[in-house]
Amino acid sequence: MPTIDLTDGFDYHEYREQLKLIEETRDAAHLENRADLVCPACGRPFEAILVTTARTRSLSGINGPFCLARTAEQVLVLTHSE
Protein backbone atom coordinates (compact mmCIF):
# COMPACT_ATOMS: atom_id res chain seq x y z
CA MET A 1 0.00 0.00 0.00
CA PRO A 2 1.50 3.33 -1.01
CA THR A 3 2.05 6.05 1.57
CA ILE A 4 1.21 9.70 0.93
CA ASP A 5 4.53 11.46 0.35
CA LEU A 6 4.89 14.87 2.00
CA THR A 7 8.56 15.41 1.15
CA ASP A 8 7.91 18.25 -1.30
CA GLY A 9 4.49 19.31 -0.03
CA PHE A 10 1.23 17.63 -0.97
CA ASP A 11 -0.60 17.92 -4.27
CA TYR A 12 -3.71 15.76 -4.21
CA HIS A 13 -3.83 15.87 -8.02
CA GLU A 14 -0.84 13.48 -7.98
CA TYR A 15 -3.14 10.94 -6.28
CA ARG A 16 -6.23 11.60 -8.41
CA GLU A 17 -6.69 7.92 -9.28
CA GLN A 18 -6.61 6.88 -5.60
CA LEU A 19 -8.56 9.78 -4.05
CA LYS A 20 -12.08 10.93 -4.85
CA LEU A 21 -12.75 14.64 -4.48
CA ILE A 22 -15.76 15.21 -2.22
CA GLU A 23 -15.64 18.99 -1.85
CA GLU A 24 -13.25 21.78 -2.77
CA THR A 25 -13.16 25.44 -1.72
CA ARG A 26 -10.57 28.12 -2.30
CA ASP A 27 -8.48 27.03 0.71
CA ALA A 28 -9.49 23.41 1.38
CA ALA A 29 -10.23 20.06 -0.23
CA HIS A 30 -12.00 17.04 1.26
CA LEU A 31 -11.15 13.72 -0.38
CA GLU A 32 -12.07 10.07 0.11
CA ASN A 33 -9.40 7.36 0.04
CA ARG A 34 -10.42 4.84 -2.64
CA ALA A 35 -7.20 2.81 -2.84
CA ASP A 36 -6.00 2.12 0.73
CA LEU A 37 -3.37 4.86 0.63
CA VAL A 38 -1.42 4.89 3.89
CA CYS A 39 -1.41 7.75 6.38
CA PRO A 40 1.97 9.52 6.62
CA ALA A 41 1.51 9.95 10.40
CA CYS A 42 0.58 6.45 11.62
CA GLY A 43 1.22 4.13 8.69
CA ARG A 44 -2.36 2.78 8.51
CA PRO A 45 -4.86 3.22 5.67
CA PHE A 46 -7.13 6.24 6.19
CA GLU A 47 -10.74 6.84 5.17
CA ALA A 48 -10.70 10.51 4.21
CA ILE A 49 -8.41 13.51 4.17
CA LEU A 50 -8.98 17.23 4.57
CA VAL A 51 -6.24 19.41 3.12
CA THR A 52 -6.26 23.10 3.99
CA THR A 53 -4.06 26.14 3.58
CA ALA A 54 -6.23 28.25 5.89
CA ARG A 55 -4.57 29.59 9.04
CA THR A 56 -7.65 28.67 11.08
CA ARG A 57 -10.38 26.12 10.47
CA SER A 58 -13.29 24.69 12.44
CA LEU A 59 -14.09 21.02 11.94
CA SER A 60 -17.24 19.14 12.80
CA GLY A 61 -18.47 15.61 12.25
CA ILE A 62 -15.11 13.91 12.73
CA ASN A 63 -15.71 10.55 14.36
CA GLY A 64 -13.11 8.02 15.38
CA PRO A 65 -9.38 8.49 15.47
CA PHE A 66 -7.68 11.02 13.24
CA CYS A 67 -4.10 12.02 12.45
CA LEU A 68 -2.55 15.38 11.61
CA ALA A 69 0.25 16.00 9.17
CA ARG A 70 1.63 19.22 7.79
CA THR A 71 3.74 20.58 5.04
CA ALA A 72 5.24 24.05 4.83
CA GLU A 73 1.95 25.40 3.42
CA GLN A 74 -0.78 22.90 4.35
CA VAL A 75 -2.36 21.04 7.22
CA LEU A 76 -3.76 17.58 6.53
CA VAL A 77 -6.39 15.91 8.74
CA LEU A 78 -6.68 12.20 8.01
CA THR A 79 -9.61 10.25 9.45
CA HIS A 80 -9.52 6.55 10.33
CA SER A 81 -12.10 3.94 11.18
CA GLU A 82 -11.86 2.41 14.64
PDB file of N, CA and C in Angstrom:
ATOM      1  N   MET A   1       0.836  -1.179   0.000  1.00  0.00           N
ATOM      2  CA  MET A   1       0.000   0.000   0.000  1.00  0.00           C
ATOM      3  C   MET A   1       0.884   1.248   0.000  1.00  0.00           C
ATOM      4  N   PRO A   2       0.680   2.129  -0.939  1.00  0.00           N
ATOM      5  CA  PRO A   2       1.503   3.334  -1.013  1.00  0.00           C
ATOM      6  C   PRO A   2       1.165   4.343   0.095  1.00  0.00           C
ATOM      7  N   THR A   3       2.194   5.010   0.554  1.00  0.00           N
ATOM      8  CA  THR A   3       2.048   6.054   1.570  1.00  0.00           C
ATOM      9  C   THR A   3       2.010   7.412   0.889  1.00  0.00           C
ATOM     10  N   ILE A   4       1.227   8.321   1.427  1.00  0.00           N
ATOM     11  CA  ILE A   4       1.212   9.701   0.927  1.00  0.00           C
ATOM     12  C   ILE A   4       2.583  10.309   1.223  1.00  0.00           C
ATOM     13  N   ASP A   5       3.203  10.861   0.208  1.00  0.00           N
ATOM     14  CA  ASP A   5       4.529  11.457   0.347  1.00  0.00           C
ATOM     15  C   ASP A   5       4.404  12.960   0.560  1.00  0.00           C
ATOM     16  N   LEU A   6       4.945  13.443   1.677  1.00  0.00           N
ATOM     17  CA  LEU A   6       4.892  14.868   2.002  1.00  0.00           C
ATOM     18  C   LEU A   6       6.243  15.556   1.845  1.00  0.00           C
ATOM     19  N   THR A   7       7.204  14.877   1.268  1.00  0.00           N
ATOM     20  CA  THR A   7       8.565  15.408   1.150  1.00  0.00           C
ATOM     21  C   THR A   7       8.615  16.788   0.506  1.00  0.00           C
ATOM     22  N   ASP A   8       7.911  16.969  -0.589  1.00  0.00           N
ATOM     23  CA  ASP A   8       7.912  18.253  -1.302  1.00  0.00           C
ATOM     24  C   ASP A   8       6.543  18.917  -1.261  1.00  0.00           C
ATOM     25  N   GLY A   9       5.846  18.783  -0.131  1.00  0.00           N
ATOM     26  CA  GLY A   9       4.491  19.307  -0.027  1.00  0.00           C
ATOM     27  C   GLY A   9       3.508  18.221  -0.435  1.00  0.00           C
ATOM     28  N   PHE A  10       2.255  18.598  -0.584  1.00  0.00           N
ATOM     29  CA  PHE A  10       1.233  17.634  -0.966  1.00  0.00           C
ATOM     30  C   PHE A  10       0.351  18.225  -2.044  1.00  0.00           C
ATOM     31  N   ASP A  11       0.273  17.540  -3.164  1.00  0.00           N
ATOM     32  CA  ASP A  11      -0.603  17.922  -4.265  1.00  0.00           C
ATOM     33  C   ASP A  11      -1.537  16.748  -4.503  1.00  0.00           C
ATOM     34  N   TYR A  12      -2.805  16.889  -4.096  1.00  0.00           N
ATOM     35  CA  TYR A  12      -3.708  15.760  -4.212  1.00  0.00           C
ATOM     36  C   TYR A  12      -3.973  15.362  -5.659  1.00  0.00           C
ATOM     37  N   HIS A  13      -3.665  16.220  -6.614  1.00  0.00           N
ATOM     38  CA  HIS A  13      -3.828  15.872  -8.022  1.00  0.00           C
ATOM     39  C   HIS A  13      -2.891  14.724  -8.414  1.00  0.00           C
ATOM     40  N   GLU A  14      -1.764  14.589  -7.718  1.00  0.00           N
ATOM     41  CA  GLU A  14      -0.845  13.484  -7.980  1.00  0.00           C
ATOM     42  C   GLU A  14      -1.451  12.136  -7.587  1.00  0.00           C
ATOM     43  N   TYR A  15      -2.481  12.161  -6.754  1.00  0.00           N
ATOM     44  CA  TYR A  15      -3.137  10.944  -6.276  1.00  0.00           C
ATOM     45  C   TYR A  15      -4.563  10.838  -6.814  1.00  0.00           C
ATOM     46  N   ARG A  16      -4.857  11.493  -7.925  1.00  0.00           N
ATOM     47  CA  ARG A  16      -6.233  11.602  -8.411  1.00  0.00           C
ATOM     48  C   ARG A  16      -6.889  10.259  -8.723  1.00  0.00           C
ATOM     49  N   GLU A  17      -6.105   9.237  -9.011  1.00  0.00           N
ATOM     50  CA  GLU A  17      -6.692   7.922  -9.278  1.00  0.00           C
ATOM     51  C   GLU A  17      -7.010   7.171  -7.991  1.00  0.00           C
ATOM     52  N   GLN A  18      -6.385   7.562  -6.877  1.00  0.00           N
ATOM     53  CA  GLN A  18      -6.614   6.884  -5.597  1.00  0.00           C
ATOM     54  C   GLN A  18      -7.563   7.648  -4.678  1.00  0.00           C
ATOM     55  N   LEU A  19      -7.717   8.947  -4.904  1.00  0.00           N
ATOM     56  CA  LEU A  19      -8.557   9.783  -4.053  1.00  0.00           C
ATOM     57  C   LEU A  19      -9.733  10.335  -4.850  1.00  0.00           C
ATOM     58  N   LYS A  20     -10.904  10.347  -4.217  1.00  0.00           N
ATOM     59  CA  LYS A  20     -12.084  10.931  -4.849  1.00  0.00           C
ATOM     60  C   LYS A  20     -12.380  12.272  -4.190  1.00  0.00           C
ATOM     61  N   LEU A  21     -12.456  13.312  -4.983  1.00  0.00           N
ATOM     62  CA  LEU A  21     -12.751  14.644  -4.481  1.00  0.00           C
ATOM     63  C   LEU A  21     -14.207  14.715  -4.044  1.00  0.00           C
ATOM     64  N   ILE A  22     -14.425  15.065  -2.777  1.00  0.00           N
ATOM     65  CA  ILE A  22     -15.763  15.210  -2.222  1.00  0.00           C
ATOM     66  C   ILE A  22     -16.214  16.663  -2.289  1.00  0.00           C
ATOM     67  N   GLU A  23     -15.317  17.555  -1.868  1.00  0.00           N
ATOM     68  CA  GLU A  23     -15.644  18.986  -1.851  1.00  0.00           C
ATOM     69  C   GLU A  23     -14.352  19.788  -1.949  1.00  0.00           C
ATOM     70  N   GLU A  24     -14.419  20.911  -2.638  1.00  0.00           N
ATOM     71  CA  GLU A  24     -13.255  21.779  -2.766  1.00  0.00           C
ATOM     72  C   GLU A  24     -13.692  23.228  -2.643  1.00  0.00           C
ATOM     73  N   THR A  25     -12.952  23.995  -1.835  1.00  0.00           N
ATOM     74  CA  THR A  25     -13.157  25.435  -1.723  1.00  0.00           C
ATOM     75  C   THR A  25     -11.842  26.107  -2.074  1.00  0.00           C
ATOM     76  N   ARG A  26     -11.792  27.409  -1.925  1.00  0.00           N
ATOM     77  CA  ARG A  26     -10.572  28.123  -2.303  1.00  0.00           C
ATOM     78  C   ARG A  26      -9.384  27.751  -1.423  1.00  0.00           C
ATOM     79  N   ASP A  27      -9.615  27.351  -0.166  1.00  0.00           N
ATOM     80  CA  ASP A  27      -8.485  27.033   0.712  1.00  0.00           C
ATOM     81  C   ASP A  27      -8.535  25.638   1.332  1.00  0.00           C
ATOM     82  N   ALA A  28      -9.413  24.764   0.814  1.00  0.00           N
ATOM     83  CA  ALA A  28      -9.491  23.413   1.381  1.00  0.00           C
ATOM     84  C   ALA A  28     -10.052  22.418   0.371  1.00  0.00           C
ATOM     85  N   ALA A  29      -9.688  21.157   0.573  1.00  0.00           N
ATOM     86  CA  ALA A  29     -10.232  20.061  -0.232  1.00  0.00           C
ATOM     87  C   ALA A  29     -10.487  18.885   0.695  1.00  0.00           C
ATOM     88  N   HIS A  30     -11.630  18.229   0.494  1.00  0.00           N
ATOM     89  CA  HIS A  30     -12.001  17.041   1.256  1.00  0.00           C
ATOM     90  C   HIS A  30     -12.045  15.889   0.258  1.00  0.00           C
ATOM     91  N   LEU A  31     -11.264  14.828   0.553  1.00  0.00           N
ATOM     92  CA  LEU A  31     -11.150  13.721  -0.384  1.00  0.00           C
ATOM     93  C   LEU A  31     -11.347  12.385   0.328  1.00  0.00           C
ATOM     94  N   GLU A  32     -11.870  11.416  -0.405  1.00  0.00           N
ATOM     95  CA  GLU A  32     -12.072  10.069   0.111  1.00  0.00           C
ATOM     96  C   GLU A  32     -10.974   9.156  -0.430  1.00  0.00           C
ATOM     97  N   ASN A  33     -10.442   8.303   0.424  1.00  0.00           N
ATOM     98  CA  ASN A  33      -9.399   7.356   0.036  1.00  0.00           C
ATOM     99  C   ASN A  33     -10.068   6.147  -0.614  1.00  0.00           C
ATOM    100  N   ARG A  34      -9.815   5.939  -1.891  1.00  0.00           N
ATOM    101  CA  ARG A  34     -10.418   4.843  -2.635  1.00  0.00           C
ATOM    102  C   ARG A  34      -9.446   3.701  -2.893  1.00  0.00           C
ATOM    103  N   ALA A  35      -8.194   3.816  -2.454  1.00  0.00           N
ATOM    104  CA  ALA A  35      -7.196   2.813  -2.837  1.00  0.00           C
ATOM    105  C   ALA A  35      -6.319   2.363  -1.674  1.00  0.00           C
ATOM    106  N   ASP A  36      -6.792   2.523  -0.449  1.00  0.00           N
ATOM    107  CA  ASP A  36      -6.004   2.122   0.728  1.00  0.00           C
ATOM    108  C   ASP A  36      -4.642   2.810   0.796  1.00  0.00           C
ATOM    109  N   LEU A  37      -4.593   4.088   0.405  1.00  0.00           N
ATOM    110  CA  LEU A  37      -3.372   4.856   0.629  1.00  0.00           C
ATOM    111  C   LEU A  37      -3.095   4.871   2.126  1.00  0.00           C
ATOM    112  N   VAL A  38      -1.835   4.963   2.490  1.00  0.00           N
ATOM    113  CA  VAL A  38      -1.423   4.886   3.886  1.00  0.00           C
ATOM    114  C   VAL A  38      -1.147   6.274   4.444  1.00  0.00           C
ATOM    115  N   CYS A  39      -1.591   6.486   5.668  1.00  0.00           N
ATOM    116  CA  CYS A  39      -1.413   7.746   6.383  1.00  0.00           C
ATOM    117  C   CYS A  39       0.079   8.003   6.644  1.00  0.00           C
ATOM    118  N   PRO A  40       0.567   9.211   6.365  1.00  0.00           N
ATOM    119  CA  PRO A  40       1.969   9.516   6.625  1.00  0.00           C
ATOM    120  C   PRO A  40       2.285   9.633   8.117  1.00  0.00           C
ATOM    121  N   ALA A  41       1.278   9.790   8.961  1.00  0.00           N
ATOM    122  CA  ALA A  41       1.510   9.949  10.400  1.00  0.00           C
ATOM    123  C   ALA A  41       1.572   8.618  11.134  1.00  0.00           C
ATOM    124  N   CYS A  42       0.644   7.695  10.831  1.00  0.00           N
ATOM    125  CA  CYS A  42       0.578   6.449  11.620  1.00  0.00           C
ATOM    126  C   CYS A  42       0.866   5.193  10.815  1.00  0.00           C
ATOM    127  N   GLY A  43       0.910   5.297   9.503  1.00  0.00           N
ATOM    128  CA  GLY A  43       1.222   4.127   8.692  1.00  0.00           C
ATOM    129  C   GLY A  43       0.063   3.178   8.437  1.00  0.00           C
ATOM    130  N   ARG A  44      -1.176   3.603   8.783  1.00  0.00           N
ATOM    131  CA  ARG A  44      -2.361   2.778   8.513  1.00  0.00           C
ATOM    132  C   ARG A  44      -3.177   3.418   7.396  1.00  0.00           C
ATOM    133  N   PRO A  45      -3.974   2.622   6.673  1.00  0.00           N
ATOM    134  CA  PRO A  45      -4.855   3.223   5.674  1.00  0.00           C
ATOM    135  C   PRO A  45      -5.839   4.188   6.347  1.00  0.00           C
ATOM    136  N   PHE A  46      -6.187   5.246   5.659  1.00  0.00           N
ATOM    137  CA  PHE A  46      -7.127   6.237   6.193  1.00  0.00           C
ATOM    138  C   PHE A  46      -8.383   6.238   5.346  1.00  0.00           C
ATOM    139  N   GLU A  47      -9.468   6.782   5.902  1.00  0.00           N
ATOM    140  CA  GLU A  47     -10.738   6.836   5.175  1.00  0.00           C
ATOM    141  C   GLU A  47     -10.857   8.084   4.319  1.00  0.00           C
ATOM    142  N   ALA A  48     -10.543   9.240   4.911  1.00  0.00           N
ATOM    143  CA  ALA A  48     -10.702  10.512   4.206  1.00  0.00           C
ATOM    144  C   ALA A  48      -9.610  11.469   4.653  1.00  0.00           C
ATOM    145  N   ILE A  49      -9.438  12.512   3.866  1.00  0.00           N
ATOM    146  CA  ILE A  49      -8.407  13.508   4.165  1.00  0.00           C
ATOM    147  C   ILE A  49      -8.963  14.902   3.874  1.00  0.00           C
ATOM    148  N   LEU A  50      -8.681  15.824   4.778  1.00  0.00           N
ATOM    149  CA  LEU A  50      -8.983  17.231   4.572  1.00  0.00           C
ATOM    150  C   LEU A  50      -7.645  17.941   4.444  1.00  0.00           C
ATOM    151  N   VAL A  51      -7.466  18.662   3.372  1.00  0.00           N
ATOM    152  CA  VAL A  51      -6.241  19.412   3.115  1.00  0.00           C
ATOM    153  C   VAL A  51      -6.610  20.884   3.112  1.00  0.00           C
ATOM    154  N   THR A  52      -5.928  21.680   3.938  1.00  0.00           N
ATOM    155  CA  THR A  52      -6.258  23.104   3.991  1.00  0.00           C
ATOM    156  C   THR A  52      -5.003  23.964   4.065  1.00  0.00           C
ATOM    157  N   THR A  53      -5.115  25.138   3.478  1.00  0.00           N
ATOM    158  CA  THR A  53      -4.059  26.140   3.575  1.00  0.00           C
ATOM    159  C   THR A  53      -4.480  27.285   4.491  1.00  0.00           C
ATOM    160  N   ALA A  54      -5.700  27.202   5.014  1.00  0.00           N
ATOM    161  CA  ALA A  54      -6.228  28.249   5.893  1.00  0.00           C
ATOM    162  C   ALA A  54      -5.444  28.285   7.208  1.00  0.00           C
ATOM    163  N   ARG A  55      -5.272  29.463   7.756  1.00  0.00           N
ATOM    164  CA  ARG A  55      -4.567  29.594   9.035  1.00  0.00           C
ATOM    165  C   ARG A  55      -5.421  29.090  10.191  1.00  0.00           C
ATOM    166  N   THR A  56      -6.732  29.186  10.068  1.00  0.00           N
ATOM    167  CA  THR A  56      -7.649  28.666  11.081  1.00  0.00           C
ATOM    168  C   THR A  56      -8.761  27.906  10.366  1.00  0.00           C
ATOM    169  N   ARG A  57      -9.305  26.927  11.069  1.00  0.00           N
ATOM    170  CA  ARG A  57     -10.375  26.117  10.475  1.00  0.00           C
ATOM    171  C   ARG A  57     -11.143  25.414  11.576  1.00  0.00           C
ATOM    172  N   SER A  58     -12.446  25.452  11.527  1.00  0.00           N
ATOM    173  CA  SER A  58     -13.294  24.687  12.442  1.00  0.00           C
ATOM    174  C   SER A  58     -13.701  23.400  11.739  1.00  0.00           C
ATOM    175  N   LEU A  59     -13.705  22.311  12.487  1.00  0.00           N
ATOM    176  CA  LEU A  59     -14.089  21.021  11.937  1.00  0.00           C
ATOM    177  C   LEU A  59     -15.235  20.456  12.753  1.00  0.00           C
ATOM    178  N   SER A  60     -16.161  19.817  12.090  1.00  0.00           N
ATOM    179  CA  SER A  60     -17.242  19.139  12.795  1.00  0.00           C
ATOM    180  C   SER A  60     -17.503  17.815  12.098  1.00  0.00           C
ATOM    181  N   GLY A  61     -18.110  16.897  12.826  1.00  0.00           N
ATOM    182  CA  GLY A  61     -18.465  15.615  12.249  1.00  0.00           C
ATOM    183  C   GLY A  61     -17.326  14.630  12.106  1.00  0.00           C
ATOM    184  N   ILE A  62     -16.217  14.868  12.784  1.00  0.00           N
ATOM    185  CA  ILE A  62     -15.110  13.911  12.729  1.00  0.00           C
ATOM    186  C   ILE A  62     -15.329  12.877  13.827  1.00  0.00           C
ATOM    187  N   ASN A  63     -15.541  11.641  13.416  1.00  0.00           N
ATOM    188  CA  ASN A  63     -15.710  10.547  14.359  1.00  0.00           C
ATOM    189  C   ASN A  63     -14.506   9.621  14.284  1.00  0.00           C
ATOM    190  N   GLY A  64     -14.207   8.981  15.384  1.00  0.00           N
ATOM    191  CA  GLY A  64     -13.112   8.022  15.384  1.00  0.00           C
ATOM    192  C   GLY A  64     -11.769   8.695  15.463  1.00  0.00           C
ATOM    193  N   PRO A  65     -10.723   7.916  15.395  1.00  0.00           N
ATOM    194  CA  PRO A  65      -9.384   8.492  15.475  1.00  0.00           C
ATOM    195  C   PRO A  65      -9.046   9.290  14.212  1.00  0.00           C
ATOM    196  N   PHE A  66      -8.171  10.270  14.386  1.00  0.00           N
ATOM    197  CA  PHE A  66      -7.678  11.020  13.241  1.00  0.00           C
ATOM    198  C   PHE A  66      -6.214  11.367  13.476  1.00  0.00           C
ATOM    199  N   CYS A  67      -5.507  11.637  12.399  1.00  0.00           N
ATOM    200  CA  CYS A  67      -4.102  12.023  12.449  1.00  0.00           C
ATOM    201  C   CYS A  67      -3.942  13.393  11.800  1.00  0.00           C
ATOM    202  N   LEU A  68      -2.913  14.096  12.208  1.00  0.00           N
ATOM    203  CA  LEU A  68      -2.553  15.380  11.608  1.00  0.00           C
ATOM    204  C   LEU A  68      -1.185  15.260  10.965  1.00  0.00           C
ATOM    205  N   ALA A  69      -1.041  15.907   9.843  1.00  0.00           N
ATOM    206  CA  ALA A  69       0.254  15.999   9.172  1.00  0.00           C
ATOM    207  C   ALA A  69       0.322  17.402   8.595  1.00  0.00           C
ATOM    208  N   ARG A  70       1.530  17.895   8.385  1.00  0.00           N
ATOM    209  CA  ARG A  70       1.627  19.225   7.795  1.00  0.00           C
ATOM    210  C   ARG A  70       2.802  19.308   6.851  1.00  0.00           C
ATOM    211  N   THR A  71       2.664  20.219   5.937  1.00  0.00           N
ATOM    212  CA  THR A  71       3.745  20.580   5.037  1.00  0.00           C
ATOM    213  C   THR A  71       4.053  22.043   5.351  1.00  0.00           C
ATOM    214  N   ALA A  72       4.925  22.646   4.598  1.00  0.00           N
ATOM    215  CA  ALA A  72       5.243  24.054   4.830  1.00  0.00           C
ATOM    216  C   ALA A  72       4.022  24.956   4.627  1.00  0.00           C
ATOM    217  N   GLU A  73       3.085  24.544   3.771  1.00  0.00           N
ATOM    218  CA  GLU A  73       1.951  25.398   3.423  1.00  0.00           C
ATOM    219  C   GLU A  73       0.585  24.813   3.758  1.00  0.00           C
ATOM    220  N   GLN A  74       0.511  23.553   4.162  1.00  0.00           N
ATOM    221  CA  GLN A  74      -0.783  22.901   4.349  1.00  0.00           C
ATOM    222  C   GLN A  74      -0.851  22.140   5.664  1.00  0.00           C
ATOM    223  N   VAL A  75      -2.073  21.956   6.131  1.00  0.00           N
ATOM    224  CA  VAL A  75      -2.363  21.036   7.224  1.00  0.00           C
ATOM    225  C   VAL A  75      -3.269  19.952   6.654  1.00  0.00           C
ATOM    226  N   LEU A  76      -2.966  18.706   6.984  1.00  0.00           N
ATOM    227  CA  LEU A  76      -3.764  17.576   6.528  1.00  0.00           C
ATOM    228  C   LEU A  76      -4.370  16.901   7.738  1.00  0.00           C
ATOM    229  N   VAL A  77      -5.674  16.652   7.706  1.00  0.00           N
ATOM    230  CA  VAL A  77      -6.387  15.913   8.741  1.00  0.00           C
ATOM    231  C   VAL A  77      -6.852  14.618   8.074  1.00  0.00           C
ATOM    232  N   LEU A  78      -6.357  13.489   8.585  1.00  0.00           N
ATOM    233  CA  LEU A  78      -6.682  12.195   8.013  1.00  0.00           C
ATOM    234  C   LEU A  78      -7.538  11.421   8.998  1.00  0.00           C
ATOM    235  N   THR A  79      -8.709  10.966   8.567  1.00  0.00           N
ATOM    236  CA  THR A  79      -9.613  10.252   9.450  1.00  0.00           C
ATOM    237  C   THR A  79      -9.465   8.743   9.236  1.00  0.00           C
ATOM    238  N   HIS A  80      -9.654   8.007  10.333  1.00  0.00           N
ATOM    239  CA  HIS A  80      -9.522   6.546  10.327  1.00  0.00           C
ATOM    240  C   HIS A  80     -10.776   5.919  10.907  1.00  0.00           C
ATOM    241  N   SER A  81     -11.040   4.690  10.512  1.00  0.00           N
ATOM    242  CA  SER A  81     -12.095   3.937  11.176  1.00  0.00           C
ATOM    243  C   SER A  81     -11.499   3.378  12.468  1.00  0.00           C
ATOM    244  N   GLU A  82     -12.333   2.938  13.345  1.00  0.00           N
ATOM    245  CA  GLU A  82     -11.862   2.412  14.639  1.00  0.00           C
ATOM    246  C   GLU A  82     -10.866   1.365  14.421  1.00  0.00           C
TER     247      GLU A  82
END
